[in-house]
Amino acid sequence: MDWIRLTKSGKDLTGLKGRLIEVTEEELAKHSKKDDCWICIRGLVYNVTPYMEYHPGGGDELMRAAGADGTDLFDQVHRWVNYESMLKECLVGRMALKPLAATTG
């Protein structure tokens, strides 16, 4: 219940003052510390730093995907969890699409 209360408090949980951004792999990788942790799940990037102390498995479990795509890990552990609803106030943005490599010939 404490997590729900925090998400309803109006506090900026993204660290971006409510604006959504397009996140590159390089930018995502910069946020890989316990006090600055972003995780990508299915193309959506979340600042899970404020969630660290509320995660049932502890912050160390979240750190396993810190600064990276945690989709596979998330699906292995708890695919059934509605992360979009639970983390919606932590949404930073979407992963940037990689440019397609030019083909020759």
PDB file of N, CA and C in Angstrom:
ATOM      1  N   MET A   1       0.810  -1.199   0.000  1.00  0.00           N
ATOM      2  CA  MET A   1       0.000   0.000   0.000  1.00  0.00           C
ATOM      3  C   MET A   1       0.856   1.267   0.000  1.00  0.00           C
ATOM      4  N   ASP A   2       2.043   1.204   0.585  1.00  0.00           N
ATOM      5  CA  ASP A   2       2.905   2.380   0.606  1.00  0.00           C
ATOM      6  C   ASP A   2       3.293   2.804  -0.804  1.00  0.00           C
ATOM      7  N   TRP A   3       3.548   1.813  -1.684  1.00  0.00           N
ATOM      8  CA  TRP A   3       3.903   2.133  -3.062  1.00  0.00           C
ATOM      9  C   TRP A   3       2.731   2.830  -3.761  1.00  0.00           C
ATOM     10  N   ILE A   4       1.545   2.326  -3.572  1.00  0.00           N
ATOM     11  CA  ILE A   4       0.363   2.931  -4.192  1.00  0.00           C
ATOM     12  C   ILE A   4       0.192   4.357  -3.691  1.00  0.00           C
ATOM     13  N   ARG A   5       0.365   4.556  -2.402  1.00  0.00           N
ATOM     14  CA  ARG A   5       0.259   5.894  -1.823  1.00  0.00           C
ATOM     15  C   ARG A   5       1.286   6.835  -2.455  1.00  0.00           C
ATOM     16  N   LEU A   6       2.518   6.358  -2.638  1.00  0.00           N
ATOM     17  CA  LEU A   6       3.558   7.181  -3.243  1.00  0.00           C
ATOM     18  C   LEU A   6       3.214   7.532  -4.688  1.00  0.00           C
ATOM     19  N   THR A   7       2.697   6.568  -5.453  1.00  0.00           N
ATOM     20  CA  THR A   7       2.365   6.854  -6.859  1.00  0.00           C
ATOM     21  C   THR A   7       1.215   7.848  -6.985  1.00  0.00           C
ATOM     22  N   LYS A   8       0.391   7.934  -5.976  1.00  0.00           N
ATOM     23  CA  LYS A   8      -0.749   8.861  -5.998  1.00  0.00           C
ATOM     24  C   LYS A   8      -0.415  10.203  -5.341  1.00  0.00           C
ATOM     25  N   SER A   9       0.803  10.355  -4.854  1.00  0.00           N
ATOM     26  CA  SER A   9       1.186  11.553  -4.110  1.00  0.00           C
ATOM     27  C   SER A   9       1.428  12.775  -4.989  1.00  0.00           C
ATOM     28  N   GLY A  10       1.607  12.562  -6.289  1.00  0.00           N
ATOM     29  CA  GLY A  10       1.924  13.676  -7.178  1.00  0.00           C
ATOM     30  C   GLY A  10       3.416  13.934  -7.292  1.00  0.00           C
ATOM     31  N   LYS A  11       4.213  13.189  -6.548  1.00  0.00           N
ATOM     32  CA  LYS A  11       5.670  13.330  -6.611  1.00  0.00           C
ATOM     33  C   LYS A  11       6.170  12.865  -7.979  1.00  0.00           C
ATOM     34  N   ASP A  12       7.172  13.572  -8.505  1.00  0.00           N
ATOM     35  CA  ASP A  12       7.758  13.218  -9.801  1.00  0.00           C
ATOM     36  C   ASP A  12       8.629  11.974  -9.642  1.00  0.00           C
ATOM     37  N   LEU A  13       8.114  10.816 -10.042  1.00  0.00           N
ATOM     38  CA  LEU A  13       8.858   9.564  -9.901  1.00  0.00           C
ATOM     39  C   LEU A  13       9.726   9.253 -11.112  1.00  0.00           C
ATOM     40  N   THR A  14       9.602  10.030 -12.166  1.00  0.00           N
ATOM     41  CA  THR A  14      10.426   9.798 -13.359  1.00  0.00           C
ATOM     42  C   THR A  14      11.744  10.546 -13.276  1.00  0.00           C
ATOM     43  N   GLY A  15      11.729  11.661 -12.572  1.00  0.00           N
ATOM     44  CA  GLY A  15      12.906  12.525 -12.554  1.00  0.00           C
ATOM     45  C   GLY A  15      12.953  13.436 -13.771  1.00  0.00           C
ATOM     46  N   LEU A  16      11.898  13.415 -14.588  1.00  0.00           N
ATOM     47  CA  LEU A  16      11.869  14.212 -15.824  1.00  0.00           C
ATOM     48  C   LEU A  16      10.735  15.228 -15.827  1.00  0.00           C
ATOM     49  N   LYS A  17      10.146  15.459 -14.684  1.00  0.00           N
ATOM     50  CA  LYS A  17       9.054  16.429 -14.540  1.00  0.00           C
ATOM     51  C   LYS A  17       7.888  16.148 -15.488  1.00  0.00           C
ATOM     52  N   GLY A  18       7.583  14.863 -15.655  1.00  0.00           N
ATOM     53  CA  GLY A  18       6.399  14.476 -16.404  1.00  0.00           C
ATOM     54  C   GLY A  18       6.523  14.408 -17.913  1.00  0.00           C
ATOM     55  N   ARG A  19       7.661  14.761 -18.461  1.00  0.00           N
ATOM     56  CA  ARG A  19       7.775  14.656 -19.925  1.00  0.00           C
ATOM     57  C   ARG A  19       8.341  13.295 -20.300  1.00  0.00           C
ATOM     58  N   LEU A  20       7.855  12.772 -21.406  1.00  0.00           N
ATOM     59  CA  LEU A  20       8.336  11.486 -21.902  1.00  0.00           C
ATOM     60  C   LEU A  20       9.434  11.734 -22.928  1.00  0.00           C
ATOM     61  N   ILE A  21      10.419  10.861 -22.929  1.00  0.00           N
ATOM     62  CA  ILE A  21      11.527  11.014 -23.870  1.00  0.00           C
ATOM     63  C   ILE A  21      11.732   9.722 -24.654  1.00  0.00           C
ATOM     64  N   GLU A  22      12.460   9.843 -25.749  1.00  0.00           N
ATOM     65  CA  GLU A  22      12.895   8.682 -26.508  1.00  0.00           C
ATOM     66  C   GLU A  22      14.275   8.315 -25.960  1.00  0.00           C
ATOM     67  N   VAL A  23      14.426   7.072 -25.542  1.00  0.00           N
ATOM     68  CA  VAL A  23      15.640   6.641 -24.845  1.00  0.00           C
ATOM     69  C   VAL A  23      16.491   5.761 -25.757  1.00  0.00           C
ATOM     70  N   THR A  24      17.731   6.142 -25.928  1.00  0.00           N
ATOM     71  CA  THR A  24      18.667   5.327 -26.692  1.00  0.00           C
ATOM     72  C   THR A  24      19.283   4.270 -25.777  1.00  0.00           C
ATOM     73  N   GLU A  25      19.892   3.268 -26.372  1.00  0.00           N
ATOM     74  CA  GLU A  25      20.586   2.247 -25.577  1.00  0.00           C
ATOM     75  C   GLU A  25      21.689   2.883 -24.742  1.00  0.00           C
ATOM     76  N   GLU A  26      22.368   3.876 -25.316  1.00  0.00           N
ATOM     77  CA  GLU A  26      23.461   4.545 -24.603  1.00  0.00           C
ATOM     78  C   GLU A  26      22.928   5.293 -23.376  1.00  0.00           C
ATOM     79  N   GLU A  27      21.790   5.962 -23.543  1.00  0.00           N
ATOM     80  CA  GLU A  27      21.199   6.687 -22.415  1.00  0.00           C
ATOM     81  C   GLU A  27      20.711   5.724 -21.339  1.00  0.00           C
ATOM     82  N   LEU A  28      20.065   4.655 -21.747  1.00  0.00           N
ATOM     83  CA  LEU A  28      19.585   3.656 -20.799  1.00  0.00           C
ATOM     84  C   LEU A  28      20.747   3.103 -19.974  1.00  0.00           C
ATOM     85  N   ALA A  29      21.857   2.817 -20.620  1.00  0.00           N
ATOM     86  CA  ALA A  29      23.027   2.236 -19.940  1.00  0.00           C
ATOM     87  C   ALA A  29      23.613   3.169 -18.879  1.00  0.00           C
ATOM     88  N   LYS A  30      23.410   4.475 -19.027  1.00  0.00           N
ATOM     89  CA  LYS A  30      23.927   5.435 -18.044  1.00  0.00           C
ATOM     90  C   LYS A  30      23.201   5.329 -16.699  1.00  0.00           C
ATOM     91  N   HIS A  31      22.007   4.760 -16.699  1.00  0.00           N
ATOM     92  CA  HIS A  31      21.172   4.705 -15.501  1.00  0.00           C
ATOM     93  C   HIS A  31      21.185   3.292 -14.920  1.00  0.00           C
ATOM     94  N   SER A  32      22.345   2.906 -14.417  1.00  0.00           N
ATOM     95  CA  SER A  32      22.542   1.524 -13.969  1.00  0.00           C
ATOM     96  C   SER A  32      23.032   1.414 -12.528  1.00  0.00           C
ATOM     97  N   LYS A  33      22.710   2.427 -11.743  1.00  0.00           N
ATOM     98  CA  LYS A  33      23.126   2.420 -10.338  1.00  0.00           C
ATOM     99  C   LYS A  33      21.891   2.361  -9.442  1.00  0.00           C
ATOM    100  N   LYS A  34      22.082   1.940  -8.216  1.00  0.00           N
ATOM    101  CA  LYS A  34      20.955   1.787  -7.291  1.00  0.00           C
ATOM    102  C   LYS A  34      20.233   3.112  -7.042  1.00  0.00           C
ATOM    103  N   ASP A  35      20.975   4.224  -7.090  1.00  0.00           N
ATOM    104  CA  ASP A  35      20.339   5.526  -6.860  1.00  0.00           C
ATOM    105  C   ASP A  35      19.934   6.222  -8.163  1.00  0.00           C
ATOM    106  N   ASP A  36      20.064   5.522  -9.280  1.00  0.00           N
ATOM    107  CA  ASP A  36      19.666   6.029 -10.596  1.00  0.00           C
ATOM    108  C   ASP A  36      19.491   4.825 -11.519  1.00  0.00           C
ATOM    109  N   CYS A  37      18.325   4.203 -11.453  1.00  0.00           N
ATOM    110  CA  CYS A  37      18.115   2.926 -12.132  1.00  0.00           C
ATOM    111  C   CYS A  37      16.929   2.966 -13.086  1.00  0.00           C
ATOM    112  N   TRP A  38      17.233   2.826 -14.371  1.00  0.00           N
ATOM    113  CA  TRP A  38      16.198   2.715 -15.393  1.00  0.00           C
ATOM    114  C   TRP A  38      16.231   1.295 -15.942  1.00  0.00           C
ATOM    115  N   ILE A  39      15.048   0.781 -16.249  1.00  0.00           N
ATOM    116  CA  ILE A  39      14.913  -0.555 -16.827  1.00  0.00           C
ATOM    117  C   ILE A  39      13.935  -0.491 -17.987  1.00  0.00           C
ATOM    118  N   CYS A  40      14.240  -1.221 -19.043  1.00  0.00           N
ATOM    119  CA  CYS A  40      13.348  -1.321 -20.191  1.00  0.00           C
ATOM    120  C   CYS A  40      12.593  -2.653 -20.120  1.00  0.00           C
ATOM    121  N   ILE A  41      11.274  -2.575 -20.295  1.00  0.00           N
ATOM    122  CA  ILE A  41      10.445  -3.773 -20.395  1.00  0.00           C
ATOM    123  C   ILE A  41       9.541  -3.587 -21.602  1.00  0.00           C
ATOM    124  N   ARG A  42       9.688  -4.476 -22.572  1.00  0.00           N
ATOM    125  CA  ARG A  42       8.895  -4.447 -23.809  1.00  0.00           C
ATOM    126  C   ARG A  42       8.895  -3.085 -24.492  1.00  0.00           C
ATOM    127  N   GLY A  43      10.078  -2.479 -24.557  1.00  0.00           N
ATOM    128  CA  GLY A  43      10.234  -1.223 -25.273  1.00  0.00           C
ATOM    129  C   GLY A  43       9.879   0.024 -24.484  1.00  0.00           C
ATOM    130  N   LEU A  44       9.384  -0.133 -23.264  1.00  0.00           N
ATOM    131  CA  LEU A  44       9.073   1.013 -22.408  1.00  0.00           C
ATOM    132  C   LEU A  44      10.136   1.117 -21.320  1.00  0.00           C
ATOM    133  N   VAL A  45      10.575   2.328 -21.052  1.00  0.00           N
ATOM    134  CA  VAL A  45      11.639   2.550 -20.076  1.00  0.00           C
ATOM    135  C   VAL A  45      11.052   3.181 -18.814  1.00  0.00           C
ATOM    136  N   TYR A  46      11.413   2.601 -17.676  1.00  0.00           N
ATOM    137  CA  TYR A  46      10.920   3.061 -16.379  1.00  0.00           C
ATOM    138  C   TYR A  46      12.088   3.433 -15.477  1.00  0.00           C
ATOM    139  N   ASN A  47      11.914   4.517 -14.721  1.00  0.00           N
ATOM    140  CA  ASN A  47      12.853   4.864 -13.664  1.00  0.00           C
ATOM    141  C   ASN A  47      12.376   4.104 -12.421  1.00  0.00           C
ATOM    142  N   VAL A  48      13.019   3.001 -12.125  1.00  0.00           N
ATOM    143  CA  VAL A  48      12.588   2.169 -10.994  1.00  0.00           C
ATOM    144  C   VAL A  48      13.305   2.522  -9.693  1.00  0.00           C
ATOM    145  N   THR A  49      14.078   3.598  -9.714  1.00  0.00           N
ATOM    146  CA  THR A  49      14.794   4.023  -8.509  1.00  0.00           C
ATOM    147  C   THR A  49      13.841   4.193  -7.318  1.00  0.00           C
ATOM    148  N   PRO A  50      12.704   4.902  -7.487  1.00  0.00           N
ATOM    149  CA  PRO A  50      11.824   5.061  -6.333  1.00  0.00           C
ATOM    150  C   PRO A  50      11.150   3.763  -5.888  1.00  0.00           C
ATOM    151  N   TYR A  51      11.114   2.769  -6.769  1.00  0.00           N
ATOM    152  CA  TYR A  51      10.459   1.493  -6.466  1.00  0.00           C
ATOM    153  C   TYR A  51      11.383   0.515  -5.735  1.00  0.00           C
ATOM    154  N   MET A  52      12.669   0.795  -5.716  1.00  0.00           N
ATOM    155  CA  MET A  52      13.664  -0.116  -5.130  1.00  0.00           C
ATOM    156  C   MET A  52      13.249  -0.656  -3.763  1.00  0.00           C
ATOM    157  N   GLU A  53      12.874   0.232  -2.863  1.00  0.00           N
ATOM    158  CA  GLU A  53      12.575  -0.194  -1.494  1.00  0.00           C
ATOM    159  C   GLU A  53      11.231  -0.905  -1.365  1.00  0.00           C
ATOM    160  N   TYR A  54      10.421  -0.864  -2.412  1.00  0.00           N
ATOM    161  CA  TYR A  54       9.101  -1.498  -2.357  1.00  0.00           C
ATOM    162  C   TYR A  54       9.047  -2.838  -3.095  1.00  0.00           C
ATOM    163  N   HIS A  55      10.052  -3.126  -3.910  1.00  0.00           N
ATOM    164  CA  HIS A  55      10.049  -4.361  -4.689  1.00  0.00           C
ATOM    165  C   HIS A  55      10.110  -5.562  -3.745  1.00  0.00           C
ATOM    166  N   PRO A  56       9.170  -6.497  -3.874  1.00  0.00           N
ATOM    167  CA  PRO A  56       9.126  -7.647  -2.951  1.00  0.00           C
ATOM    168  C   PRO A  56      10.408  -8.472  -2.931  1.00  0.00           C
ATOM    169  N   GLY A  57      11.117  -8.539  -4.055  1.00  0.00           N
ATOM    170  CA  GLY A  57      12.360  -9.300  -4.107  1.00  0.00           C
ATOM    171  C   GLY A  57      13.575  -8.489  -3.715  1.00  0.00           C
ATOM    172  N   GLY A  58      13.360  -7.218  -3.404  1.00  0.00           N
ATOM    173  CA  GLY A  58      14.451  -6.335  -3.015  1.00  0.00           C
ATOM    174  C   GLY A  58      15.086  -5.622  -4.205  1.00  0.00           C
ATOM    175  N   GLY A  59      15.818  -4.595  -3.883  1.00  0.00           N
ATOM    176  CA  GLY A  59      16.483  -3.796  -4.906  1.00  0.00           C
ATOM    177  C   GLY A  59      17.506  -4.551  -5.723  1.00  0.00           C
ATOM    178  N   ASP A  60      18.148  -5.542  -5.112  1.00  0.00           N
ATOM    179  CA  ASP A  60      19.166  -6.305  -5.839  1.00  0.00           C
ATOM    180  C   ASP A  60      18.570  -7.024  -7.044  1.00  0.00           C
ATOM    181  N   GLU A  61      17.326  -7.459  -6.921  1.00  0.00           N
ATOM    182  CA  GLU A  61      16.673  -8.121  -8.058  1.00  0.00           C
ATOM    183  C   GLU A  61      16.462  -7.138  -9.199  1.00  0.00           C
ATOM    184  N   LEU A  62      16.042  -5.921  -8.883  1.00  0.00           N
ATOM    185  CA  LEU A  62      15.874  -4.904  -9.920  1.00  0.00           C
ATOM    186  C   LEU A  62      17.216  -4.558 -10.562  1.00  0.00           C
ATOM    187  N   MET A  63      18.257  -4.573  -9.771  1.00  0.00           N
ATOM    188  CA  MET A  63      19.585  -4.225 -10.284  1.00  0.00           C
ATOM    189  C   MET A  63      20.091  -5.224 -11.326  1.00  0.00           C
ATOM    190  N   ARG A  64      19.530  -6.398 -11.361  1.00  0.00           N
ATOM    191  CA  ARG A  64      19.937  -7.384 -12.366  1.00  0.00           C
ATOM    192  C   ARG A  64      19.645  -6.901 -13.789  1.00  0.00           C
ATOM    193  N   ALA A  65      18.701  -5.950 -13.930  1.00  0.00           N
ATOM    194  CA  ALA A  65      18.355  -5.427 -15.250  1.00  0.00           C
ATOM    195  C   ALA A  65      18.641  -3.932 -15.346  1.00  0.00           C
ATOM    196  N   ALA A  66      19.380  -3.398 -14.412  1.00  0.00           N
ATOM    197  CA  ALA A  66      19.652  -1.960 -14.371  1.00  0.00           C
ATOM    198  C   ALA A  66      20.361  -1.480 -15.630  1.00  0.00           C
ATOM    199  N   GLY A  67      19.810  -0.448 -16.240  1.00  0.00           N
ATOM    200  CA  GLY A  67      20.426   0.146 -17.419  1.00  0.00           C
ATOM    201  C   GLY A  67      20.335  -0.724 -18.656  1.00  0.00           C
ATOM    202  N   ALA A  68      19.387  -1.654 -18.673  1.00  0.00           N
ATOM    203  CA  ALA A  68      19.306  -2.602 -19.787  1.00  0.00           C
ATOM    204  C   ALA A  68      17.861  -3.025 -20.042  1.00  0.00           C
ATOM    205  N   ASP A  69      17.698  -3.864 -21.047  1.00  0.00           N
ATOM    206  CA  ASP A  69      16.388  -4.446 -21.333  1.00  0.00           C
ATOM    207  C   ASP A  69      16.185  -5.623 -20.381  1.00  0.00           C
ATOM    208  N   GLY A  70      15.206  -5.499 -19.511  1.00  0.00           N
ATOM    209  CA  GLY A  70      14.937  -6.538 -18.525  1.00  0.00           C
ATOM    210  C   GLY A  70      13.739  -7.405 -18.874  1.00  0.00           C
ATOM    211  N   THR A  71      13.282  -7.352 -20.126  1.00  0.00           N
ATOM    212  CA  THR A  71      12.077  -8.088 -20.523  1.00  0.00           C
ATOM    213  C   THR A  71      12.193  -9.583 -20.256  1.00  0.00           C
ATOM    214  N   ASP A  72      13.255 -10.206 -20.714  1.00  0.00           N
ATOM    215  CA  ASP A  72      13.409 -11.657 -20.527  1.00  0.00           C
ATOM    216  C   ASP A  72      13.471 -12.019 -19.052  1.00  0.00           C
ATOM    217  N   LEU A  73      14.223 -11.278 -18.281  1.00  0.00           N
ATOM    218  CA  LEU A  73      14.325 -11.539 -16.846  1.00  0.00           C
ATOM    219  C   LEU A  73      12.965 -11.361 -16.177  1.00  0.00           C
ATOM    220  N   PHE A  74      12.277 -10.293 -16.520  1.00  0.00           N
ATOM    221  CA  PHE A  74      10.946 -10.050 -15.956  1.00  0.00           C
ATOM    222  C   PHE A  74      10.010 -11.217 -16.268  1.00  0.00           C
ATOM    223  N   ASP A  75      10.013 -11.655 -17.520  1.00  0.00           N
ATOM    224  CA  ASP A  75       9.131 -12.751 -17.928  1.00  0.00           C
ATOM    225  C   ASP A  75       9.474 -14.068 -17.231  1.00  0.00           C
ATOM    226  N   GLN A  76      10.737 -14.293 -16.955  1.00  0.00           N
ATOM    227  CA  GLN A  76      11.146 -15.513 -16.262  1.00  0.00           C
ATOM    228  C   GLN A  76      10.635 -15.530 -14.821  1.00  0.00           C
ATOM    229  N   VAL A  77      10.611 -14.374 -14.185  1.00  0.00           N
ATOM    230  CA  VAL A  77      10.301 -14.294 -12.770  1.00  0.00           C
ATOM    231  C   VAL A  77       8.811 -14.078 -12.497  1.00  0.00           C
ATOM    232  N   HIS A  78       8.207 -13.119 -13.195  1.00  0.00           N
ATOM    233  CA  HIS A  78       6.793 -12.825 -12.914  1.00  0.00           C
ATOM    234  C   HIS A  78       6.094 -12.185 -14.106  1.00  0.00           C
ATOM    235  N   ARG A  79       5.930 -12.968 -15.125  1.00  0.00           N
ATOM    236  CA  ARG A  79       5.254 -12.523 -16.341  1.00  0.00           C
ATOM    237  C   ARG A  79       3.830 -12.029 -16.052  1.00  0.00           C
ATOM    238  N   TRP A  80       3.193 -12.557 -15.038  1.00  0.00           N
ATOM    239  CA  TRP A  80       1.804 -12.250 -14.707  1.00  0.00           C
ATOM    240  C   TRP A  80       1.608 -10.866 -14.097  1.00  0.00           C
ATOM    241  N   VAL A  81       2.658 -10.204 -13.635  1.00  0.00           N
ATOM    242  CA  VAL A  81       2.543  -8.908 -12.967  1.00  0.00           C
ATOM    243  C   VAL A  81       2.195  -7.813 -13.979  1.00  0.00           C
ATOM    244  N   ASN A  82       1.243  -6.966 -13.636  1.00  0.00           N
ATOM    245  CA  ASN A  82       0.852  -5.850 -14.485  1.00  0.00           C
ATOM    246  C   ASN A  82       1.790  -4.667 -14.202  1.00  0.00           C
ATOM    247  N   TYR A  83       2.987  -4.742 -14.769  1.00  0.00           N
ATOM    248  CA  TYR A  83       4.003  -3.719 -14.524  1.00  0.00           C
ATOM    249  C   TYR A  83       3.587  -2.368 -15.091  1.00  0.00           C
ATOM    250  N   GLU A  84       2.838  -2.360 -16.206  1.00  0.00           N
ATOM    251  CA  GLU A  84       2.448  -1.089 -16.816  1.00  0.00           C
ATOM    252  C   GLU A  84       1.598  -0.253 -15.862  1.00  0.00           C
ATOM    253  N   SER A  85       0.699  -0.897 -15.161  1.00  0.00           N
ATOM    254  CA  SER A  85      -0.137  -0.197 -14.197  1.00  0.00           C
ATOM    255  C   SER A  85       0.671   0.173 -12.951  1.00  0.00           C
ATOM    256  N   MET A  86       1.454  -0.765 -12.478  1.00  0.00           N
ATOM    257  CA  MET A  86       2.197  -0.563 -11.245  1.00  0.00           C
ATOM    258  C   MET A  86       3.283   0.513 -11.387  1.00  0.00           C
ATOM    259  N   LEU A  87       3.887   0.613 -12.570  1.00  0.00           N
ATOM    260  CA  LEU A  87       4.999   1.543 -12.771  1.00  0.00           C
ATOM    261  C   LEU A  87       4.650   2.738 -13.652  1.00  0.00           C
ATOM    262  N   LYS A  88       3.369   2.954 -13.938  1.00  0.00           N
ATOM    263  CA  LYS A  88       3.004   4.006 -14.892  1.00  0.00           C
ATOM    264  C   LYS A  88       3.505   5.385 -14.484  1.00  0.00           C
ATOM    265  N   GLU A  89       3.599   5.657 -13.193  1.00  0.00           N
ATOM    266  CA  GLU A  89       4.099   6.960 -12.741  1.00  0.00           C
ATOM    267  C   GLU A  89       5.624   7.065 -12.868  1.00  0.00           C
ATOM    268  N   CYS A  90       6.277   5.953 -13.210  1.00  0.00           N
ATOM    269  CA  CYS A  90       7.739   5.912 -13.365  1.00  0.00           C
ATOM    270  C   CYS A  90       8.160   5.877 -14.832  1.00  0.00           C
ATOM    271  N   LEU A  91       7.187   5.960 -15.738  1.00  0.00           N
ATOM    272  CA  LEU A  91       7.489   5.846 -17.166  1.00  0.00           C
ATOM    273  C   LEU A  91       8.323   7.022 -17.648  1.00  0.00           C
ATOM    274  N   VAL A  92       9.496   6.711 -18.185  1.00  0.00           N
ATOM    275  CA  VAL A  92      10.416   7.704 -18.722  1.00  0.00           C
ATOM    276  C   VAL A  92      10.112   7.931 -20.202  1.00  0.00           C
ATOM    277  N   GLY A  93       9.838   6.846 -20.931  1.00  0.00           N
ATOM    278  CA  GLY A  93       9.543   6.953 -22.363  1.00  0.00           C
ATOM    279  C   GLY A  93       9.729   5.626 -23.060  1.00  0.00           C
ATOM    280  N   ARG A  94       9.871   5.717 -24.372  1.00  0.00           N
ATOM    281  CA  ARG A  94      10.057   4.526 -25.216  1.00  0.00           C
ATOM    282  C   ARG A  94      11.505   4.431 -25.673  1.00  0.00           C
ATOM    283  N   MET A  95      11.917   3.195 -25.919  1.00  0.00           N
ATOM    284  CA  MET A  95      13.243   2.995 -26.504  1.00  0.00           C
ATOM    285  C   MET A  95      13.240   3.539 -27.928  1.00  0.00           C
ATOM    286  N   ALA A  96      14.322   4.170 -28.290  1.00  0.00           N
ATOM    287  CA  ALA A  96      14.491   4.678 -29.649  1.00  0.00           C
ATOM    288  C   ALA A  96      14.684   3.504 -30.600  1.00  0.00           C
ATOM    289  N   LEU A  97      14.107   3.614 -31.762  1.00  0.00           N
ATOM    290  CA  LEU A  97      14.305   2.582 -32.767  1.00  0.00           C
ATOM    291  C   LEU A  97      15.706   2.699 -33.330  1.00  0.00           C
ATOM    292  N   LYS A  98      16.319   1.564 -33.556  1.00  0.00           N
ATOM    293  CA  LYS A  98      17.645   1.560 -34.167  1.00  0.00           C
ATOM    294  C   LYS A  98      17.479   1.752 -35.668  1.00  0.00           C
ATOM    295  N   PRO A  99      18.356   2.542 -36.277  1.00  0.00           N
ATOM    296  CA  PRO A  99      18.265   2.697 -37.729  1.00  0.00           C
ATOM    297  C   PRO A  99      18.623   1.376 -38.425  1.00  0.00           C
ATOM    298  N   LEU A 100      17.935   1.103 -39.489  1.00  0.00           N
ATOM    299  CA  LEU A 100      18.224  -0.106 -40.262  1.00  0.00           C
ATOM    300  C   LEU A 100      19.555   0.050 -40.982  1.00  0.00           C
ATOM    301  N   ALA A 101      20.325  -0.981 -41.006  1.00  0.00           N
ATOM    302  CA  ALA A 101      21.607  -0.958 -41.714  1.00  0.00           C
ATOM    303  C   ALA A 101      21.337  -0.906 -43.220  1.00  0.00           C
ATOM    304  N   ALA A 102      22.107  -0.109 -43.915  1.00  0.00           N
ATOM    305  CA  ALA A 102      21.958  -0.016 -45.366  1.00  0.00           C
ATOM    306  C   ALA A 102      22.435  -1.315 -46.002  1.00  0.00           C
ATOM    307  N   THR A 103      21.690  -1.785 -46.974  1.00  0.00           N
ATOM    308  CA  THR A 103      22.098  -2.990 -47.680  1.00  0.00           C
ATOM    309  C   THR A 103      22.744  -2.608 -48.999  1.00  0.00           C
ATOM    310  N   THR A 104      23.659  -3.440 -49.423  1.00  0.00           N
ATOM    311  CA  THR A 104      24.331  -3.178 -50.696  1.00  0.00           C
ATOM    312  C   THR A 104      23.933  -4.237 -51.704  1.00  0.00           C
ATOM    313  N   GLY A 105      24.008  -3.851 -52.928  1.00  0.00           N
ATOM    314  CA  GLY A 105      23.783  -4.840 -53.982  1.00  0.00           C
ATOM    315  C   GLY A 105      22.437  -4.736 -54.513  1.00  0.00           C
TER     316      GLY A 105
END
